[in-house]
Amino acid sequence: MSNNREINNPFSRIIKVQGRMFQLKRTLPENQININKYEDWPTILKEYYHVDTIFRADNQLWLCSEIKTISYEEIK
C-alpha cells in the first residue's frame, strides 16, 4: 500500500493507513475471489476471516482488524 507505513514484528504485520493502525490478518489476490458473484461479498469475507476492514491495493485484498486507540490517564 503506497504512502502508508508498515510495521513488521515477529507476531503480526501492522499497517498504518491515514493515521489509523490495522493488524493485517491476510492478503488475497483480487483475481482469486469472484467478487461479482455476491452483492454483499465484503460482509461475507469479514465474517469468514473475523476482520472489520478490507482494503484493495496492488491487486490484493488486505483483510485487517483495526487497532483501537484509547484515551488514558497515567496513574502515578
PDB file of N, CA and C in Angstrom:
ATOM      1  N   MET A   1       0.860  -1.166   0.000  1.00  0.00           N
ATOM      2  CA  MET A   1       0.000   0.000   0.000  1.00  0.00           C
ATOM      3  C   MET A   1       0.903   1.225   0.000  1.00  0.00           C
ATOM      4  N   SER A   2       0.784   2.051  -0.999  1.00  0.00           N
ATOM      5  CA  SER A   2       1.684   3.180  -1.148  1.00  0.00           C
ATOM      6  C   SER A   2       1.342   4.299  -0.177  1.00  0.00           C
ATOM      7  N   ASN A   3       2.369   5.077   0.182  1.00  0.00           N
ATOM      8  CA  ASN A   3       2.237   6.230   1.078  1.00  0.00           C
ATOM      9  C   ASN A   3       1.694   5.860   2.445  1.00  0.00           C
ATOM     10  N   ASN A   4       1.838   4.645   2.858  1.00  0.00           N
ATOM     11  CA  ASN A   4       1.419   4.207   4.169  1.00  0.00           C
ATOM     12  C   ASN A   4       2.569   3.462   4.805  1.00  0.00           C
ATOM     13  N   ARG A   5       2.500   3.315   6.086  1.00  0.00           N
ATOM     14  CA  ARG A   5       3.600   2.712   6.812  1.00  0.00           C
ATOM     15  C   ARG A   5       3.257   1.293   7.225  1.00  0.00           C
ATOM     16  N   GLU A   6       4.235   0.426   7.139  1.00  0.00           N
ATOM     17  CA  GLU A   6       4.057  -0.960   7.549  1.00  0.00           C
ATOM     18  C   GLU A   6       5.065  -1.269   8.642  1.00  0.00           C
ATOM     19  N   ILE A   7       4.586  -1.862   9.715  1.00  0.00           N
ATOM     20  CA  ILE A   7       5.434  -2.231  10.834  1.00  0.00           C
ATOM     21  C   ILE A   7       5.443  -3.754  10.914  1.00  0.00           C
ATOM     22  N   ASN A   8       6.625  -4.342  10.783  1.00  0.00           N
ATOM     23  CA  ASN A   8       6.740  -5.798  10.900  1.00  0.00           C
ATOM     24  C   ASN A   8       7.260  -6.143  12.282  1.00  0.00           C
ATOM     25  N   ASN A   9       6.627  -7.100  12.918  1.00  0.00           N
ATOM     26  CA  ASN A   9       7.133  -7.635  14.169  1.00  0.00           C
ATOM     27  C   ASN A   9       6.986  -9.152  14.097  1.00  0.00           C
ATOM     28  N   PRO A  10       7.563  -9.877  15.038  1.00  0.00           N
ATOM     29  CA  PRO A  10       7.544 -11.344  14.932  1.00  0.00           C
ATOM     30  C   PRO A  10       6.149 -11.960  15.002  1.00  0.00           C
ATOM     31  N   PHE A  11       5.169 -11.224  15.515  1.00  0.00           N
ATOM     32  CA  PHE A  11       3.859 -11.815  15.759  1.00  0.00           C
ATOM     33  C   PHE A  11       2.807 -11.454  14.726  1.00  0.00           C
ATOM     34  N   SER A  12       2.899 -10.278  14.146  1.00  0.00           N
ATOM     35  CA  SER A  12       1.898  -9.877  13.161  1.00  0.00           C
ATOM     36  C   SER A  12       2.411  -8.690  12.362  1.00  0.00           C
ATOM     37  N   ARG A  13       1.707  -8.396  11.280  1.00  0.00           N
ATOM     38  CA  ARG A  13       2.025  -7.218  10.469  1.00  0.00           C
ATOM     39  C   ARG A  13       1.044  -6.130  10.833  1.00  0.00           C
ATOM     40  N   ILE A  14       1.566  -4.970  11.131  1.00  0.00           N
ATOM     41  CA  ILE A  14       0.757  -3.811  11.468  1.00  0.00           C
ATOM     42  C   ILE A  14       0.946  -2.795  10.351  1.00  0.00           C
ATOM     43  N   ILE A  15      -0.157  -2.263   9.825  1.00  0.00           N
ATOM     44  CA  ILE A  15      -0.069  -1.223   8.800  1.00  0.00           C
ATOM     45  C   ILE A  15      -0.752   0.033   9.325  1.00  0.00           C
ATOM     46  N   LYS A  16      -0.259   1.166   8.862  1.00  0.00           N
ATOM     47  CA  LYS A  16      -0.830   2.449   9.253  1.00  0.00           C
ATOM     48  C   LYS A  16      -1.399   3.104   8.003  1.00  0.00           C
ATOM     49  N   VAL A  17      -2.693   3.395   8.024  1.00  0.00           N
ATOM     50  CA  VAL A  17      -3.386   3.978   6.883  1.00  0.00           C
ATOM     51  C   VAL A  17      -4.135   5.209   7.362  1.00  0.00           C
ATOM     52  N   GLN A  18      -3.800   6.355   6.808  1.00  0.00           N
ATOM     53  CA  GLN A  18      -4.450   7.620   7.143  1.00  0.00           C
ATOM     54  C   GLN A  18      -4.520   7.849   8.655  1.00  0.00           C
ATOM     55  N   GLY A  19      -3.407   7.588   9.342  1.00  0.00           N
ATOM     56  CA  GLY A  19      -3.325   7.829  10.773  1.00  0.00           C
ATOM     57  C   GLY A  19      -3.963   6.761  11.646  1.00  0.00           C
ATOM     58  N   ARG A  20      -4.548   5.741  11.049  1.00  0.00           N
ATOM     59  CA  ARG A  20      -5.167   4.643  11.802  1.00  0.00           C
ATOM     60  C   ARG A  20      -4.307   3.396  11.632  1.00  0.00           C
ATOM     61  N   MET A  21      -4.254   2.565  12.671  1.00  0.00           N
ATOM     62  CA  MET A  21      -3.432   1.359  12.627  1.00  0.00           C
ATOM     63  C   MET A  21      -4.315   0.115  12.519  1.00  0.00           C
ATOM     64  N   PHE A  22      -3.821  -0.850  11.734  1.00  0.00           N
ATOM     65  CA  PHE A  22      -4.558  -2.084  11.476  1.00  0.00           C
ATOM     66  C   PHE A  22      -3.624  -3.276  11.595  1.00  0.00           C
ATOM     67  N   GLN A  23      -4.149  -4.382  12.114  1.00  0.00           N
ATOM     68  CA  GLN A  23      -3.426  -5.639  12.104  1.00  0.00           C
ATOM     69  C   GLN A  23      -3.828  -6.377  10.842  1.00  0.00           C
ATOM     70  N   LEU A  24      -2.853  -6.680  10.014  1.00  0.00           N
ATOM     71  CA  LEU A  24      -3.113  -7.389   8.765  1.00  0.00           C
ATOM     72  C   LEU A  24      -3.264  -8.872   9.064  1.00  0.00           C
ATOM     73  N   LYS A  25      -4.442  -9.411   8.784  1.00  0.00           N
ATOM     74  CA  LYS A  25      -4.711 -10.814   9.054  1.00  0.00           C
ATOM     75  C   LYS A  25      -4.389 -11.692   7.851  1.00  0.00           C
ATOM     76  N   ARG A  26      -4.691 -11.169   6.647  1.00  0.00           N
ATOM     77  CA  ARG A  26      -4.493 -11.992   5.445  1.00  0.00           C
ATOM     78  C   ARG A  26      -4.545 -11.110   4.206  1.00  0.00           C
ATOM     79  N   THR A  27      -3.812 -11.499   3.177  1.00  0.00           N
ATOM     80  CA  THR A  27      -3.953 -10.882   1.864  1.00  0.00           C
ATOM     81  C   THR A  27      -4.374 -11.962   0.880  1.00  0.00           C
ATOM     82  N   LEU A  28      -5.248 -11.568  -0.027  1.00  0.00           N
ATOM     83  CA  LEU A  28      -5.731 -12.482  -1.057  1.00  0.00           C
ATOM     84  C   LEU A  28      -5.593 -11.809  -2.415  1.00  0.00           C
ATOM     85  N   PRO A  29      -5.128 -12.537  -3.432  1.00  0.00           N
ATOM     86  CA  PRO A  29      -5.116 -11.961  -4.780  1.00  0.00           C
ATOM     87  C   PRO A  29      -6.553 -11.637  -5.197  1.00  0.00           C
ATOM     88  N   GLU A  30      -6.737 -10.442  -5.702  1.00  0.00           N
ATOM     89  CA  GLU A  30      -8.082  -9.992  -6.078  1.00  0.00           C
ATOM     90  C   GLU A  30      -8.710 -10.893  -7.143  1.00  0.00           C
ATOM     91  N   ASN A  31      -7.889 -11.432  -8.039  1.00  0.00           N
ATOM     92  CA  ASN A  31      -8.434 -12.283  -9.105  1.00  0.00           C
ATOM     93  C   ASN A  31      -8.811 -13.682  -8.611  1.00  0.00           C
ATOM     94  N   GLN A  32      -8.449 -14.007  -7.374  1.00  0.00           N
ATOM     95  CA  GLN A  32      -8.786 -15.306  -6.802  1.00  0.00           C
ATOM     96  C   GLN A  32     -10.212 -15.329  -6.230  1.00  0.00           C
ATOM     97  N   ILE A  33     -10.786 -14.170  -6.023  1.00  0.00           N
ATOM     98  CA  ILE A  33     -12.117 -14.045  -5.439  1.00  0.00           C
ATOM     99  C   ILE A  33     -13.069 -13.533  -6.509  1.00  0.00           C
ATOM    100  N   ASN A  34     -14.178 -14.189  -6.695  1.00  0.00           N
ATOM    101  CA  ASN A  34     -15.190 -13.742  -7.645  1.00  0.00           C
ATOM    102  C   ASN A  34     -16.116 -12.759  -6.919  1.00  0.00           C
ATOM    103  N   ILE A  35     -15.688 -11.488  -6.842  1.00  0.00           N
ATOM    104  CA  ILE A  35     -16.436 -10.507  -6.059  1.00  0.00           C
ATOM    105  C   ILE A  35     -17.756 -10.109  -6.712  1.00  0.00           C
ATOM    106  N   ASN A  36     -17.920 -10.393  -7.991  1.00  0.00           N
ATOM    107  CA  ASN A  36     -19.172 -10.045  -8.664  1.00  0.00           C
ATOM    108  C   ASN A  36     -20.267 -11.096  -8.448  1.00  0.00           C
ATOM    109  N   LYS A  37     -19.890 -12.228  -7.870  1.00  0.00           N
ATOM    110  CA  LYS A  37     -20.858 -13.310  -7.683  1.00  0.00           C
ATOM    111  C   LYS A  37     -21.875 -12.970  -6.585  1.00  0.00           C
ATOM    112  N   TYR A  38     -21.424 -12.275  -5.542  1.00  0.00           N
ATOM    113  CA  TYR A  38     -22.296 -11.925  -4.424  1.00  0.00           C
ATOM    114  C   TYR A  38     -22.311 -10.425  -4.222  1.00  0.00           C
ATOM    115  N   GLU A  39     -23.484  -9.880  -3.989  1.00  0.00           N
ATOM    116  CA  GLU A  39     -23.603  -8.440  -3.790  1.00  0.00           C
ATOM    117  C   GLU A  39     -22.948  -8.009  -2.474  1.00  0.00           C
ATOM    118  N   ASP A  40     -23.055  -8.843  -1.456  1.00  0.00           N
ATOM    119  CA  ASP A  40     -22.524  -8.480  -0.137  1.00  0.00           C
ATOM    120  C   ASP A  40     -21.204  -9.205   0.163  1.00  0.00           C
ATOM    121  N   TRP A  41     -20.333  -9.337  -0.845  1.00  0.00           N
ATOM    122  CA  TRP A  41     -19.073 -10.048  -0.679  1.00  0.00           C
ATOM    123  C   TRP A  41     -18.201  -9.478   0.436  1.00  0.00           C
ATOM    124  N   PRO A  42     -18.168  -8.146   0.662  1.00  0.00           N
ATOM    125  CA  PRO A  42     -17.322  -7.666   1.773  1.00  0.00           C
ATOM    126  C   PRO A  42     -17.790  -8.203   3.134  1.00  0.00           C
ATOM    127  N   THR A  43     -19.093  -8.236   3.348  1.00  0.00           N
ATOM    128  CA  THR A  43     -19.629  -8.740   4.607  1.00  0.00           C
ATOM    129  C   THR A  43     -19.298 -10.219   4.785  1.00  0.00           C
ATOM    130  N   ILE A  44     -19.412 -10.988   3.730  1.00  0.00           N
ATOM    131  CA  ILE A  44     -19.116 -12.422   3.788  1.00  0.00           C
ATOM    132  C   ILE A  44     -17.647 -12.650   4.155  1.00  0.00           C
ATOM    133  N   LEU A  45     -16.731 -11.917   3.493  1.00  0.00           N
ATOM    134  CA  LEU A  45     -15.307 -12.070   3.792  1.00  0.00           C
ATOM    135  C   LEU A  45     -14.978 -11.617   5.209  1.00  0.00           C
ATOM    136  N   LYS A  46     -15.577 -10.522   5.653  1.00  0.00           N
ATOM    137  CA  LYS A  46     -15.322 -10.027   7.012  1.00  0.00           C
ATOM    138  C   LYS A  46     -15.755 -11.046   8.063  1.00  0.00           C
ATOM    139  N   GLU A  47     -16.901 -11.642   7.867  1.00  0.00           N
ATOM    140  CA  GLU A  47     -17.383 -12.640   8.825  1.00  0.00           C
ATOM    141  C   GLU A  47     -16.522 -13.900   8.784  1.00  0.00           C
ATOM    142  N   TYR A  48     -16.164 -14.355   7.611  1.00  0.00           N
ATOM    143  CA  TYR A  48     -15.397 -15.592   7.474  1.00  0.00           C
ATOM    144  C   TYR A  48     -14.000 -15.466   8.083  1.00  0.00           C
ATOM    145  N   TYR A  49     -13.326 -14.319   7.839  1.00  0.00           N
ATOM    146  CA  TYR A  49     -11.958 -14.125   8.319  1.00  0.00           C
ATOM    147  C   TYR A  49     -11.884 -13.369   9.651  1.00  0.00           C
ATOM    148  N   HIS A  50     -13.016 -13.005  10.220  1.00  0.00           N
ATOM    149  CA  HIS A  50     -13.068 -12.306  11.515  1.00  0.00           C
ATOM    150  C   HIS A  50     -12.269 -11.001  11.484  1.00  0.00           C
ATOM    151  N   VAL A  51     -12.573 -10.171  10.501  1.00  0.00           N
ATOM    152  CA  VAL A  51     -11.936  -8.865  10.361  1.00  0.00           C
ATOM    153  C   VAL A  51     -13.018  -7.791  10.283  1.00  0.00           C
ATOM    154  N   ASP A  52     -12.606  -6.538  10.443  1.00  0.00           N
ATOM    155  CA  ASP A  52     -13.591  -5.457  10.350  1.00  0.00           C
ATOM    156  C   ASP A  52     -13.333  -4.498   9.194  1.00  0.00           C
ATOM    157  N   THR A  53     -12.201  -4.681   8.487  1.00  0.00           N
ATOM    158  CA  THR A  53     -11.850  -3.761   7.405  1.00  0.00           C
ATOM    159  C   THR A  53     -11.211  -4.530   6.259  1.00  0.00           C
ATOM    160  N   ILE A  54     -11.574  -4.145   5.027  1.00  0.00           N
ATOM    161  CA  ILE A  54     -10.949  -4.709   3.827  1.00  0.00           C
ATOM    162  C   ILE A  54     -10.437  -3.551   2.974  1.00  0.00           C
ATOM    163  N   PHE A  55      -9.159  -3.619   2.612  1.00  0.00           N
ATOM    164  CA  PHE A  55      -8.570  -2.649   1.691  1.00  0.00           C
ATOM    165  C   PHE A  55      -8.300  -3.354   0.372  1.00  0.00           C
ATOM    166  N   ARG A  56      -8.318  -2.572  -0.697  1.00  0.00           N
ATOM    167  CA  ARG A  56      -7.982  -3.089  -2.022  1.00  0.00           C
ATOM    168  C   ARG A  56      -6.793  -2.265  -2.516  1.00  0.00           C
ATOM    169  N   ALA A  57      -5.641  -2.929  -2.715  1.00  0.00           N
ATOM    170  CA  ALA A  57      -4.449  -2.237  -3.196  1.00  0.00           C
ATOM    171  C   ALA A  57      -3.521  -3.245  -3.857  1.00  0.00           C
ATOM    172  N   ASP A  58      -2.827  -2.819  -4.877  1.00  0.00           N
ATOM    173  CA  ASP A  58      -1.838  -3.651  -5.580  1.00  0.00           C
ATOM    174  C   ASP A  58      -2.424  -4.986  -6.026  1.00  0.00           C
ATOM    175  N   ASN A  59      -3.659  -4.974  -6.530  1.00  0.00           N
ATOM    176  CA  ASN A  59      -4.370  -6.180  -6.983  1.00  0.00           C
ATOM    177  C   ASN A  59      -4.512  -7.226  -5.881  1.00  0.00           C
ATOM    178  N   GLN A  60      -4.557  -6.755  -4.641  1.00  0.00           N
ATOM    179  CA  GLN A  60      -4.724  -7.625  -3.479  1.00  0.00           C
ATOM    180  C   GLN A  60      -5.883  -7.105  -2.634  1.00  0.00           C
ATOM    181  N   LEU A  61      -6.532  -8.011  -1.920  1.00  0.00           N
ATOM    182  CA  LEU A  61      -7.477  -7.638  -0.883  1.00  0.00           C
ATOM    183  C   LEU A  61      -6.745  -7.810   0.445  1.00  0.00           C
ATOM    184  N   TRP A  62      -6.691  -6.742   1.234  1.00  0.00           N
ATOM    185  CA  TRP A  62      -5.998  -6.745   2.518  1.00  0.00           C
ATOM    186  C   TRP A  62      -7.069  -6.860   3.602  1.00  0.00           C
ATOM    187  N   LEU A  63      -7.103  -7.984   4.305  1.00  0.00           N
ATOM    188  CA  LEU A  63      -8.098  -8.235   5.338  1.00  0.00           C
ATOM    189  C   LEU A  63      -7.482  -7.864   6.682  1.00  0.00           C
ATOM    190  N   CYS A  64      -8.082  -6.882   7.341  1.00  0.00           N
ATOM    191  CA  CYS A  64      -7.474  -6.296   8.529  1.00  0.00           C
ATOM    192  C   CYS A  64      -8.473  -6.107   9.666  1.00  0.00           C
ATOM    193  N   SER A  65      -7.913  -5.986  10.860  1.00  0.00           N
ATOM    194  CA  SER A  65      -8.686  -5.588  12.032  1.00  0.00           C
ATOM    195  C   SER A  65      -8.085  -4.286  12.554  1.00  0.00           C
ATOM    196  N   GLU A  66      -8.936  -3.310  12.782  1.00  0.00           N
ATOM    197  CA  GLU A  66      -8.450  -2.018  13.263  1.00  0.00           C
ATOM    198  C   GLU A  66      -7.984  -2.128  14.707  1.00  0.00           C
ATOM    199  N   ILE A  67      -6.865  -1.486  14.985  1.00  0.00           N
ATOM    200  CA  ILE A  67      -6.360  -1.399  16.349  1.00  0.00           C
ATOM    201  C   ILE A  67      -6.947  -0.116  16.939  1.00  0.00           C
ATOM    202  N   LYS A  68      -7.791  -0.273  17.917  1.00  0.00           N
ATOM    203  CA  LYS A  68      -8.492   0.864  18.510  1.00  0.00           C
ATOM    204  C   LYS A  68      -7.518   1.706  19.348  1.00  0.00           C
ATOM    205  N   THR A  69      -7.666   3.005  19.268  1.00  0.00           N
ATOM    206  CA  THR A  69      -6.894   3.901  20.131  1.00  0.00           C
ATOM    207  C   THR A  69      -7.747   4.245  21.341  1.00  0.00           C
ATOM    208  N   ILE A  70      -7.094   4.380  22.469  1.00  0.00           N
ATOM    209  CA  ILE A  70      -7.824   4.670  23.685  1.00  0.00           C
ATOM    210  C   ILE A  70      -7.279   5.936  24.322  1.00  0.00           C
ATOM    211  N   SER A  71      -8.111   6.593  25.085  1.00  0.00           N
ATOM    212  CA  SER A  71      -7.681   7.717  25.903  1.00  0.00           C
ATOM    213  C   SER A  71      -7.401   7.176  27.291  1.00  0.00           C
ATOM    214  N   TYR A  72      -6.300   7.585  27.871  1.00  0.00           N
ATOM    215  CA  TYR A  72      -5.968   7.095  29.193  1.00  0.00           C
ATOM    216  C   TYR A  72      -5.266   8.168  29.997  1.00  0.00           C
ATOM    217  N   GLU A  73      -5.257   7.966  31.280  1.00  0.00           N
ATOM    218  CA  GLU A  73      -4.579   8.844  32.192  1.00  0.00           C
ATOM    219  C   GLU A  73      -3.613   7.992  32.986  1.00  0.00           C
ATOM    220  N   GLU A  74      -2.340   8.393  32.989  1.00  0.00           N
ATOM    221  CA  GLU A  74      -1.326   7.613  33.685  1.00  0.00           C
ATOM    222  C   GLU A  74      -1.520   7.723  35.195  1.00  0.00           C
ATOM    223  N   ILE A  75      -1.448   6.593  35.861  1.00  0.00           N
ATOM    224  CA  ILE A  75      -1.575   6.561  37.325  1.00  0.00           C
ATOM    225  C   ILE A  75      -0.161   6.529  37.898  1.00  0.00           C
ATOM    226  N   LYS A  76       0.111   7.451  38.801  1.00  0.00           N
ATOM    227  CA  LYS A  76       1.460   7.529  39.393  1.00  0.00           C
ATOM    228  C   LYS A  76       1.458   7.020  40.805  1.00  0.00           C
TER     229      LYS A  76
END
